[in-house]
Structure formats: structure tokens, C-alpha cells
C-alpha atoms as a PDB file:
ATOM      1  CA  MET A   1     180.553 232.894 113.598  1.00  0.00           C
ATOM      2  CA  VAL A   2     177.155 231.027 113.414  1.00  0.00           C
ATOM      3  CA  THR A   3     176.466 227.951 111.357  1.00  0.00           C
ATOM      4  CA  VAL A   4     173.760 228.239 108.710  1.00  0.00           C
ATOM      5  CA  ARG A   5     172.352 225.114 107.025  1.00  0.00           C
ATOM      6  CA  ALA A   6     171.512 225.467 103.356  1.00  0.00           C
ATOM      7  CA  VAL A   7     169.861 223.439 100.766  1.00  0.00           C
ATOM      8  CA  PHE A   8     170.774 224.092  97.170  1.00  0.00           C
ATOM      9  CA  VAL A   9     168.699 222.572  94.221  1.00  0.00           C
ATOM     10  CA  ILE A  10     170.726 222.417  91.082  1.00  0.00           C
ATOM     11  CA  GLY A  11     168.989 221.534  87.731  1.00  0.00           C
ATOM     12  CA  THR A  12     170.250 219.303  85.040  1.00  0.00           C
ATOM     13  CA  ASP A  13     171.439 222.528  83.265  1.00  0.00           C
ATOM     14  CA  LYS A  14     173.857 223.087  86.207  1.00  0.00           C
ATOM     15  CA  LYS A  15     171.935 226.203  87.257  1.00  0.00           C
ATOM     16  CA  VAL A  16     170.802 226.884  90.844  1.00  0.00           C
ATOM     17  CA  LYS A  17     166.960 226.516  90.834  1.00  0.00           C
ATOM     18  CA  ALA A  18     166.431 227.143  94.571  1.00  0.00           C
ATOM     19  CA  ILE A  19     168.103 227.913  97.753  1.00  0.00           C
ATOM     20  CA  ILE A  20     166.645 227.456 101.311  1.00  0.00           C
ATOM     21  CA  SER A  21     168.657 228.588 104.360  1.00  0.00           C
ATOM     22  CA  TYR A  22     167.863 227.435 107.916  1.00  0.00           C
ATOM     23  CA  PRO A  23     169.454 228.783 111.143  1.00  0.00           C
ATOM     24  CA  ALA A  24     171.526 226.207 112.999  1.00  0.00           C
ATOM     25  CA  SER A  25     168.710 225.905 115.586  1.00  0.00           C
ATOM     26  CA  THR A  26     166.147 224.708 113.094  1.00  0.00           C
ATOM     27  CA  GLY A  27     166.073 221.332 111.394  1.00  0.00           C
ATOM     28  CA  ARG A  28     165.347 221.030 107.646  1.00  0.00           C
ATOM     29  CA  ASN A  29     161.958 219.957 106.432  1.00  0.00           C
ATOM     30  CA  MET A  30     162.475 217.042 103.954  1.00  0.00           C
ATOM     31  CA  ASP A  31     158.777 217.057 103.022  1.00  0.00           C
ATOM     32  CA  GLU A  32     159.131 220.650 101.887  1.00  0.00           C
ATOM     33  CA  ILE A  33     162.398 219.990  99.965  1.00  0.00           C
ATOM     34  CA  LEU A  34     160.779 217.106  98.125  1.00  0.00           C
ATOM     35  CA  ARG A  35     157.687 219.289  97.335  1.00  0.00           C
ATOM     36  CA  LEU A  36     160.043 221.951  96.059  1.00  0.00           C
ATOM     37  CA  ILE A  37     161.712 219.499  93.828  1.00  0.00           C
ATOM     38  CA  ASP A  38     158.445 218.050  92.590  1.00  0.00           C
ATOM     39  CA  SER A  39     157.272 221.543  91.715  1.00  0.00           C
ATOM     40  CA  LEU A  40     160.408 222.441  89.933  1.00  0.00           C
ATOM     41  CA  GLN A  41     160.336 219.301  87.852  1.00  0.00           C
ATOM     42  CA  LEU A  42     156.691 219.789  86.956  1.00  0.00           C
ATOM     43  CA  THR A  43     156.941 223.400  85.955  1.00  0.00           C
ATOM     44  CA  ALA A  44     159.980 222.743  83.907  1.00  0.00           C
ATOM     45  CA  LYS A  45     157.915 220.385  81.808  1.00  0.00           C
ATOM     46  CA  ARG A  46     154.688 222.367  81.884  1.00  0.00           C
ATOM     47  CA  THR A  47     155.875 225.919  81.343  1.00  0.00           C
ATOM     48  CA  ASN A  48     152.440 227.635  81.336  1.00  0.00           C
ATOM     49  CA  VAL A  49     151.634 226.635  84.955  1.00  0.00           C
ATOM     50  CA  VAL A  50     152.845 227.476  88.490  1.00  0.00           C
ATOM     51  CA  THR A  51     152.281 225.694  91.698  1.00  0.00           C
ATOM     52  CA  PRO A  52     150.244 227.471  94.402  1.00  0.00           C
ATOM     53  CA  VAL A  53     150.831 227.832  98.054  1.00  0.00           C
ATOM     54  CA  ASP A  54     150.596 224.404  99.931  1.00  0.00           C
ATOM     55  CA  TRP A  55     150.578 222.575  96.594  1.00  0.00           C
ATOM     56  CA  THR A  56     151.073 218.783  96.659  1.00  0.00           C
ATOM     57  CA  VAL A  57     151.547 216.363  93.855  1.00  0.00           C
ATOM     58  CA  GLY A  58     148.259 215.948  92.065  1.00  0.00           C
ATOM     59  CA  GLY A  59     146.763 219.192  93.323  1.00  0.00           C
ATOM     60  CA  ASP A  60     145.458 221.914  91.101  1.00  0.00           C
ATOM     61  CA  LEU A  61     147.820 224.130  89.352  1.00  0.00           C
ATOM     62  CA  ILE A  62     147.587 227.929  88.498  1.00  0.00           C
ATOM     63  CA  VAL A  63     147.645 228.958  84.790  1.00  0.00           C
ATOM     64  CA  LYS A  64     150.296 231.647  84.286  1.00  0.00           C
ATOM     65  CA  PRO A  65     148.896 235.104  83.551  1.00  0.00           C
ATOM     66  CA  GLY A  66     148.462 235.533  79.787  1.00  0.00           C
ATOM     67  CA  ALA A  67     148.346 231.800  79.226  1.00  0.00           C
ATOM     68  CA  SER A  68     145.292 229.861  78.327  1.00  0.00           C
ATOM     69  CA  ILE A  69     144.794 226.073  78.785  1.00  0.00           C
ATOM     70  CA  GLU A  70     141.755 224.019  77.618  1.00  0.00           C
ATOM     71  CA  GLY A  71     139.832 223.028  80.745  1.00  0.00           C
ATOM     72  CA  GLN A  72     140.926 225.879  82.971  1.00  0.00           C
ATOM     73  CA  ARG A  73     138.527 227.377  85.431  1.00  0.00           C
ATOM     74  CA  VAL A  74     138.424 231.036  86.341  1.00  0.00           C
ATOM     75  CA  VAL A  75     138.064 232.150  89.917  1.00  0.00           C
ATOM     76  CA  ASP A  76     135.468 234.868  90.396  1.00  0.00           C
ATOM     77  CA  LEU A  77     137.198 237.808  91.962  1.00  0.00           C
ATOM     78  CA  PRO A  78     135.570 241.078  93.281  1.00  0.00           C
ATOM     79  CA  SER A  79     137.435 243.037  90.682  1.00  0.00           C
ATOM     80  CA  GLY A  80     135.769 241.001  87.894  1.00  0.00           C
ATOM     81  CA  LYS A  81     139.145 240.338  86.339  1.00  0.00           C
ATOM     82  CA  ASP A  82     139.917 236.770  85.169  1.00  0.00           C
ATOM     83  CA  TYR A  83     143.601 236.481  85.899  1.00  0.00           C
ATOM     84  CA  LEU A  84     143.401 233.679  88.471  1.00  0.00           C
ATOM     85  CA  LYS A  85     142.847 230.459  86.544  1.00  0.00           C
ATOM     86  CA  PHE A  86     143.288 226.883  87.857  1.00  0.00           C
ATOM     87  CA  ILE A  87     143.728 223.660  85.937  1.00  0.00           C
ATOM     88  CA  LYS A  88     143.642 220.097  87.189  1.00  0.00           C
ATOM     89  CA  SER A  89     147.014 218.444  87.562  1.00  0.00           C
ATOM     90  CA  ASP A  90     147.814 215.387  85.319  1.00  0.00           C
END
């Protein structure tokens, strides 16, 4: 049997919001756990956005596909489609 370290983030609604598993040989990354909690809290309040890769508090947010927010900026993609939109964080 091998030990696995796990982090469970449980919301105020008593539902599991995230699970991160680490092998016994790897320490946990507290900065990443705090970043995850910040993202979960932000996206629970602002349901029309998601946080991009390497997001940090105050960084730009991605507007969910199908949503539109005043002040959003569209990324020019080779396909010409306008589905990747960013908005400044509050």
C-alpha cells in the first residue's frame, strides 16, 4: 500500500469543488491551493467568467463562450471566430 496525499476543497454548499492528489514523494504546493480557492470564490460570484492558465488574483479573466460582458476584448484568432474573449478583473 502506498500513501497518497490529497487536498479536498469543499464549498459552503457542502459539495466538493476540487480534489488534488499528490504521490507520497511530492509535497503539496500551497500557492497553487490558495490560487485554486481564489479562483473558485471568484467564479462562484461572477458566473460568466473563468480563470485562464497561470491566473493570479487581479489577472485577466476569460469570458465564458456565449456570454458577453461590457468592456470585453476579443482575441484575433486565425479562424476568425470570436469565442476567446478577455475581461479585466475587478
